[in-house]
Amino acid sequence: GDLPLEVLSAGKPMETTGETDPTEISQIWEKLQRDLASRSTQSKHQTLEDAGHFIQNDRPDVVIDAILRVVEQAKNDPPPNAK
């Protein structure tokens, strides 16, 4: 729908067991993240090249900013059925 949504994606390649190609896995993951972001007309998708899977540890500043933006959007533009 049109709910505020922020998707943060890791830019560093994922660690794998060696049986799979990390580049291929990263490409699939990026596609899935883009798909997730496309589920809202009010979405923002960021890929953080300097962050791994634990974005909250690598870039807490970006996570905090994303949360604050979503909260602000939700406060300023509540859904029509919100009471």
Protein backbone atom coordinates (compact mmCIF):
# COMPACT_ATOMS: atom_id res chain seq x y z
CA GLY A 1 0.00 0.00 0.00
CA ASP A 2 1.18 3.44 0.92
CA LEU A 3 2.56 2.89 4.41
CA PRO A 4 6.01 4.38 5.10
CA LEU A 5 8.72 1.79 4.54
CA GLU A 6 12.51 1.88 4.66
CA VAL A 7 14.58 -1.09 3.50
CA LEU A 8 18.27 -1.17 4.39
CA SER A 9 20.43 -3.68 2.54
CA ALA A 10 23.94 -4.84 3.32
CA GLY A 11 26.46 -3.98 0.63
CA LYS A 12 29.19 -6.32 1.84
CA PRO A 13 28.99 -9.82 0.37
CA MET A 14 27.40 -12.45 2.58
CA GLU A 15 29.55 -15.15 4.07
CA THR A 16 28.69 -18.56 2.67
CA THR A 17 29.62 -22.14 3.40
CA GLY A 18 31.70 -22.38 0.22
CA GLU A 19 29.07 -24.44 -1.58
CA THR A 20 27.41 -21.34 -3.00
CA ASP A 21 28.70 -18.33 -4.89
CA PRO A 22 28.59 -15.29 -2.55
CA THR A 23 28.15 -12.92 -5.50
CA GLU A 24 25.14 -14.87 -6.75
CA ILE A 25 23.61 -14.98 -3.27
CA SER A 26 24.15 -11.21 -2.88
CA GLN A 27 22.45 -10.55 -6.23
CA ILE A 28 19.44 -12.66 -5.26
CA TRP A 29 19.25 -10.96 -1.87
CA GLU A 30 19.39 -7.51 -3.47
CA LYS A 31 16.53 -8.46 -5.81
CA LEU A 32 14.45 -9.63 -2.84
CA GLN A 33 15.17 -6.39 -0.99
CA ARG A 34 14.07 -4.33 -4.03
CA ASP A 35 10.89 -6.41 -4.19
CA LEU A 36 10.22 -5.69 -0.52
CA ALA A 37 10.72 -1.96 -1.07
CA SER A 38 8.33 -2.01 -4.02
CA ARG A 39 5.46 -3.04 -1.74
CA SER A 40 4.84 0.55 -0.70
CA THR A 41 4.48 3.73 -2.69
CA GLN A 42 6.21 5.50 0.21
CA SER A 43 9.34 3.38 0.36
CA LYS A 44 13.02 4.13 0.36
CA HIS A 45 15.67 1.49 -0.32
CA GLN A 46 19.31 2.00 0.61
CA THR A 47 22.21 -0.35 0.02
CA LEU A 48 25.00 0.37 2.48
CA GLU A 49 28.29 -0.63 0.88
CA ASP A 50 30.11 -0.43 4.23
CA ALA A 51 27.66 -2.66 6.12
CA GLY A 52 27.26 -6.38 6.43
CA HIS A 53 24.28 -8.47 7.55
CA PHE A 54 24.19 -6.79 10.97
CA ILE A 55 23.54 -3.27 9.70
CA GLN A 56 22.45 -2.17 13.15
CA ASN A 57 26.00 -2.88 14.37
CA ASP A 58 27.88 -1.56 11.34
CA ARG A 59 25.81 1.58 10.74
CA PRO A 60 23.57 2.35 13.71
CA ASP A 61 23.35 5.97 12.54
CA VAL A 62 21.61 4.95 9.30
CA VAL A 63 19.24 2.60 11.12
CA ILE A 64 18.27 5.31 13.62
CA ASP A 65 17.71 7.85 10.83
CA ALA A 66 15.53 5.38 8.89
CA ILE A 67 13.41 4.62 11.95
CA LEU A 68 12.95 8.31 12.72
CA ARG A 69 11.91 9.02 9.10
CA VAL A 70 9.31 6.23 9.16
CA VAL A 71 7.92 7.43 12.50
CA GLU A 72 7.76 11.01 11.24
CA GLN A 73 6.01 9.97 8.02
CA ALA A 74 3.53 7.87 9.97
CA LYS A 75 2.75 10.76 12.33
CA ASN A 76 2.29 13.25 9.49
CA ASP A 77 0.32 11.01 7.15
CA PRO A 78 -1.65 8.38 9.11
CA PRO A 79 -3.54 5.73 7.15
CA PRO A 80 -7.20 6.55 6.39
CA ASN A 81 -8.55 3.92 8.81
CA ALA A 82 -6.33 5.02 11.73
CA LYS A 83 -8.16 6.28 14.79
